[in-house]
Amino acid sequence: MADAHHPADLLYHPEHDWVRLDGDLATFGVTWFAQDSLGEIVYWEPPAVGATVTKDEPYAEVESVKAVSDVIAPLSGTILEVNEALADDPSLVNAAPYTDGWLVRVQLSDPAERRHLLDVAGYEALLDG
């Protein structure tokens, strides 16, 4: 399991999802806190490439030994790629939530939505709250 941390170069959704921005492209994943709370991830139900996702709405599910949980889209857009490695090894989400355990890559439909996300200080304040 990965060590507790939240990279400063990411943006965070209050539902414990992260976003790495590269212009109008974004990579989504779940935070260290989320994967730690869920426990061992045993299954990942990805969305279809080409599907649209809407900010604050569920777009996928992860199943752990504890529960099945929705994954919330931190921003809106179209799925360009899913992390195929998770089909064979969903525990990558636990081992490396910010690198090998990414979930999807998205072409953003409204990059200005990012203003509603938290920086690392805001996210850590949420966790401490």
C-alpha atoms as a PDB file:
ATOM      1  CA  MET A   1       0.000   0.000   0.000  1.00  0.00           C
ATOM      2  CA  ALA A   2       1.206   3.485  -0.869  1.00  0.00           C
ATOM      3  CA  ASP A   3       2.318   5.934   1.792  1.00  0.00           C
ATOM      4  CA  ALA A   4      -0.140   8.676   2.804  1.00  0.00           C
ATOM      5  CA  HIS A   5       0.356  11.740   0.673  1.00  0.00           C
ATOM      6  CA  HIS A   6      -1.405  14.165  -1.649  1.00  0.00           C
ATOM      7  CA  PRO A   7       0.746  15.650  -4.443  1.00  0.00           C
ATOM      8  CA  ALA A   8       0.793  19.429  -4.673  1.00  0.00           C
ATOM      9  CA  ASP A   9       0.578  19.460  -8.481  1.00  0.00           C
ATOM     10  CA  LEU A  10      -2.931  17.943  -8.556  1.00  0.00           C
ATOM     11  CA  LEU A  11      -6.419  19.335  -8.015  1.00  0.00           C
ATOM     12  CA  TYR A  12      -8.890  17.542  -5.767  1.00  0.00           C
ATOM     13  CA  HIS A  13     -12.640  16.944  -5.672  1.00  0.00           C
ATOM     14  CA  PRO A  14     -14.284  16.789  -2.223  1.00  0.00           C
ATOM     15  CA  GLU A  15     -15.432  13.219  -3.002  1.00  0.00           C
ATOM     16  CA  HIS A  16     -11.739  12.168  -2.849  1.00  0.00           C
ATOM     17  CA  ASP A  17     -10.898  12.139  -6.540  1.00  0.00           C
ATOM     18  CA  TRP A  18      -7.871  13.818  -8.088  1.00  0.00           C
ATOM     19  CA  VAL A  19      -7.195  15.507 -11.424  1.00  0.00           C
ATOM     20  CA  ARG A  20      -3.906  16.017 -13.254  1.00  0.00           C
ATOM     21  CA  LEU A  21      -4.346  18.729 -15.925  1.00  0.00           C
ATOM     22  CA  ASP A  22      -2.441  19.010 -19.187  1.00  0.00           C
ATOM     23  CA  GLY A  23      -4.174  21.802 -21.077  1.00  0.00           C
ATOM     24  CA  ASP A  24      -7.665  20.591 -21.979  1.00  0.00           C
ATOM     25  CA  LEU A  25      -6.711  16.995 -21.168  1.00  0.00           C
ATOM     26  CA  ALA A  26      -7.089  15.540 -17.699  1.00  0.00           C
ATOM     27  CA  THR A  27      -6.197  12.343 -15.904  1.00  0.00           C
ATOM     28  CA  PHE A  28      -8.545  11.252 -13.131  1.00  0.00           C
ATOM     29  CA  GLY A  29      -7.937   8.971 -10.174  1.00  0.00           C
ATOM     30  CA  VAL A  30      -8.937   8.387  -6.566  1.00  0.00           C
ATOM     31  CA  THR A  31      -6.912   9.847  -3.727  1.00  0.00           C
ATOM     32  CA  TRP A  32      -4.727   8.057  -1.262  1.00  0.00           C
ATOM     33  CA  PHE A  33      -7.412   8.748   1.383  1.00  0.00           C
ATOM     34  CA  ALA A  34     -10.121   7.135  -0.785  1.00  0.00           C
ATOM     35  CA  GLN A  35      -8.180   3.975  -1.556  1.00  0.00           C
ATOM     36  CA  ASP A  36      -7.096   3.676   2.075  1.00  0.00           C
ATOM     37  CA  SER A  37     -10.708   4.024   3.245  1.00  0.00           C
ATOM     38  CA  LEU A  38     -11.930   1.452   0.714  1.00  0.00           C
ATOM     39  CA  GLY A  39      -9.257  -1.122   1.513  1.00  0.00           C
ATOM     40  CA  GLU A  40      -7.976  -3.605  -1.052  1.00  0.00           C
ATOM     41  CA  ILE A  41      -9.431  -2.814  -4.490  1.00  0.00           C
ATOM     42  CA  VAL A  42     -10.466  -6.079  -6.162  1.00  0.00           C
ATOM     43  CA  TYR A  43     -12.428  -4.897  -9.225  1.00  0.00           C
ATOM     44  CA  TRP A  44     -12.690  -1.819 -11.432  1.00  0.00           C
ATOM     45  CA  GLU A  45     -15.666  -1.234 -13.724  1.00  0.00           C
ATOM     46  CA  PRO A  46     -14.411   1.350 -16.223  1.00  0.00           C
ATOM     47  CA  PRO A  47     -16.554   3.550 -18.453  1.00  0.00           C
ATOM     48  CA  ALA A  48     -16.423   3.064 -22.224  1.00  0.00           C
ATOM     49  CA  VAL A  49     -13.957   5.084 -24.265  1.00  0.00           C
ATOM     50  CA  GLY A  50     -16.006   7.831 -25.914  1.00  0.00           C
ATOM     51  CA  ALA A  51     -18.500   8.050 -23.044  1.00  0.00           C
ATOM     52  CA  THR A  52     -19.166  11.458 -21.573  1.00  0.00           C
ATOM     53  CA  VAL A  53     -18.729  12.253 -17.901  1.00  0.00           C
ATOM     54  CA  THR A  54     -20.371  15.063 -15.978  1.00  0.00           C
ATOM     55  CA  LYS A  55     -18.773  16.958 -13.111  1.00  0.00           C
ATOM     56  CA  ASP A  56     -19.984  15.720  -9.714  1.00  0.00           C
ATOM     57  CA  GLU A  57     -21.710  12.644 -11.226  1.00  0.00           C
ATOM     58  CA  PRO A  58     -20.608   8.976 -10.924  1.00  0.00           C
ATOM     59  CA  TYR A  59     -18.826   7.589 -13.981  1.00  0.00           C
ATOM     60  CA  ALA A  60     -17.482   4.244 -12.756  1.00  0.00           C
ATOM     61  CA  GLU A  61     -17.358   1.864  -9.813  1.00  0.00           C
ATOM     62  CA  VAL A  62     -14.565   0.357  -7.785  1.00  0.00           C
ATOM     63  CA  GLU A  63     -15.105  -2.719  -5.676  1.00  0.00           C
ATOM     64  CA  SER A  64     -13.044  -3.388  -2.599  1.00  0.00           C
ATOM     65  CA  VAL A  65     -13.099  -6.084   0.015  1.00  0.00           C
ATOM     66  CA  LYS A  66     -15.286  -3.690   2.038  1.00  0.00           C
ATOM     67  CA  ALA A  67     -17.764  -2.212  -0.465  1.00  0.00           C
ATOM     68  CA  VAL A  68     -18.641  -1.115  -3.983  1.00  0.00           C
ATOM     69  CA  SER A  69     -18.229   2.627  -4.421  1.00  0.00           C
ATOM     70  CA  ASP A  70     -19.063   5.090  -7.156  1.00  0.00           C
ATOM     71  CA  VAL A  71     -16.235   7.124  -8.595  1.00  0.00           C
ATOM     72  CA  ILE A  72     -17.249  10.769  -9.075  1.00  0.00           C
ATOM     73  CA  ALA A  73     -16.144  12.831 -12.062  1.00  0.00           C
ATOM     74  CA  PRO A  74     -14.286  15.897 -10.842  1.00  0.00           C
ATOM     75  CA  LEU A  75     -14.746  17.602 -14.240  1.00  0.00           C
ATOM     76  CA  SER A  76     -16.887  17.134 -17.380  1.00  0.00           C
ATOM     77  CA  GLY A  77     -15.703  15.735 -20.696  1.00  0.00           C
ATOM     78  CA  THR A  78     -15.260  12.718 -22.938  1.00  0.00           C
ATOM     79  CA  ILE A  79     -13.340   9.585 -21.972  1.00  0.00           C
ATOM     80  CA  LEU A  80     -10.300   9.225 -24.250  1.00  0.00           C
ATOM     81  CA  GLU A  81      -8.595   6.321 -22.507  1.00  0.00           C
ATOM     82  CA  VAL A  82      -9.106   3.954 -19.598  1.00  0.00           C
ATOM     83  CA  ASN A  83      -6.276   2.403 -17.615  1.00  0.00           C
ATOM     84  CA  GLU A  84      -6.346  -1.114 -19.083  1.00  0.00           C
ATOM     85  CA  ALA A  85      -3.735  -2.301 -16.575  1.00  0.00           C
ATOM     86  CA  LEU A  86      -6.371  -2.134 -13.847  1.00  0.00           C
ATOM     87  CA  ALA A  87      -8.391  -4.920 -15.510  1.00  0.00           C
ATOM     88  CA  ASP A  88      -5.589  -7.358 -14.671  1.00  0.00           C
ATOM     89  CA  ASP A  89      -4.432  -5.708 -11.468  1.00  0.00           C
ATOM     90  CA  PRO A  90      -6.939  -3.351  -9.780  1.00  0.00           C
ATOM     91  CA  SER A  91      -4.675  -3.257  -6.720  1.00  0.00           C
ATOM     92  CA  LEU A  92      -2.545  -0.716  -8.623  1.00  0.00           C
ATOM     93  CA  VAL A  93      -5.024   1.834  -7.254  1.00  0.00           C
ATOM     94  CA  ASN A  94      -3.848   0.904  -3.750  1.00  0.00           C
ATOM     95  CA  ALA A  95      -0.168   0.588  -4.595  1.00  0.00           C
ATOM     96  CA  ALA A  96       0.215   3.780  -6.640  1.00  0.00           C
ATOM     97  CA  PRO A  97      -2.975   5.892  -6.611  1.00  0.00           C
ATOM     98  CA  TYR A  98      -1.305   8.910  -8.264  1.00  0.00           C
ATOM     99  CA  THR A  99       0.786   7.120 -10.886  1.00  0.00           C
ATOM    100  CA  ASP A 100       0.118   3.566 -12.142  1.00  0.00           C
ATOM    101  CA  GLY A 101      -3.338   3.546 -10.498  1.00  0.00           C
ATOM    102  CA  TRP A 102      -4.846   6.357 -12.595  1.00  0.00           C
ATOM    103  CA  LEU A 103      -8.349   5.578 -13.866  1.00  0.00           C
ATOM    104  CA  VAL A 104      -9.205   7.526 -17.040  1.00  0.00           C
ATOM    105  CA  ARG A 105      -7.963  10.259 -19.350  1.00  0.00           C
ATOM    106  CA  VAL A 106     -10.543  12.833 -20.408  1.00  0.00           C
ATOM    107  CA  GLN A 107     -10.899  15.567 -23.042  1.00  0.00           C
ATOM    108  CA  LEU A 108     -12.437  18.350 -20.975  1.00  0.00           C
ATOM    109  CA  SER A 109     -15.615  20.006 -22.260  1.00  0.00           C
ATOM    110  CA  ASP A 110     -15.400  22.967 -19.858  1.00  0.00           C
ATOM    111  CA  PRO A 111     -11.898  23.472 -18.465  1.00  0.00           C
ATOM    112  CA  ALA A 112     -13.180  26.438 -16.423  1.00  0.00           C
ATOM    113  CA  GLU A 113     -14.881  23.937 -14.086  1.00  0.00           C
ATOM    114  CA  ARG A 114     -11.459  23.487 -12.515  1.00  0.00           C
ATOM    115  CA  ARG A 115     -12.094  26.624 -10.449  1.00  0.00           C
ATOM    116  CA  HIS A 116     -14.439  24.496  -8.276  1.00  0.00           C
ATOM    117  CA  LEU A 117     -11.709  22.017  -7.337  1.00  0.00           C
ATOM    118  CA  LEU A 118      -9.436  22.161  -4.303  1.00  0.00           C
ATOM    119  CA  ASP A 119      -5.684  22.632  -4.233  1.00  0.00           C
ATOM    120  CA  VAL A 120      -3.699  20.343  -1.932  1.00  0.00           C
ATOM    121  CA  ALA A 121      -4.002  22.737   1.056  1.00  0.00           C
ATOM    122  CA  GLY A 122      -7.773  22.912   0.626  1.00  0.00           C
ATOM    123  CA  TYR A 123      -8.047  19.143   0.274  1.00  0.00           C
ATOM    124  CA  GLU A 124      -5.935  18.472   3.356  1.00  0.00           C
ATOM    125  CA  ALA A 125      -8.034  21.018   5.295  1.00  0.00           C
ATOM    126  CA  LEU A 126     -11.123  19.070   4.189  1.00  0.00           C
ATOM    127  CA  LEU A 127      -9.588  15.862   5.526  1.00  0.00           C
ATOM    128  CA  ASP A 128      -8.697  17.551   8.815  1.00  0.00           C
ATOM    129  CA  GLY A 129     -12.149  19.132   9.091  1.00  0.00           C
END
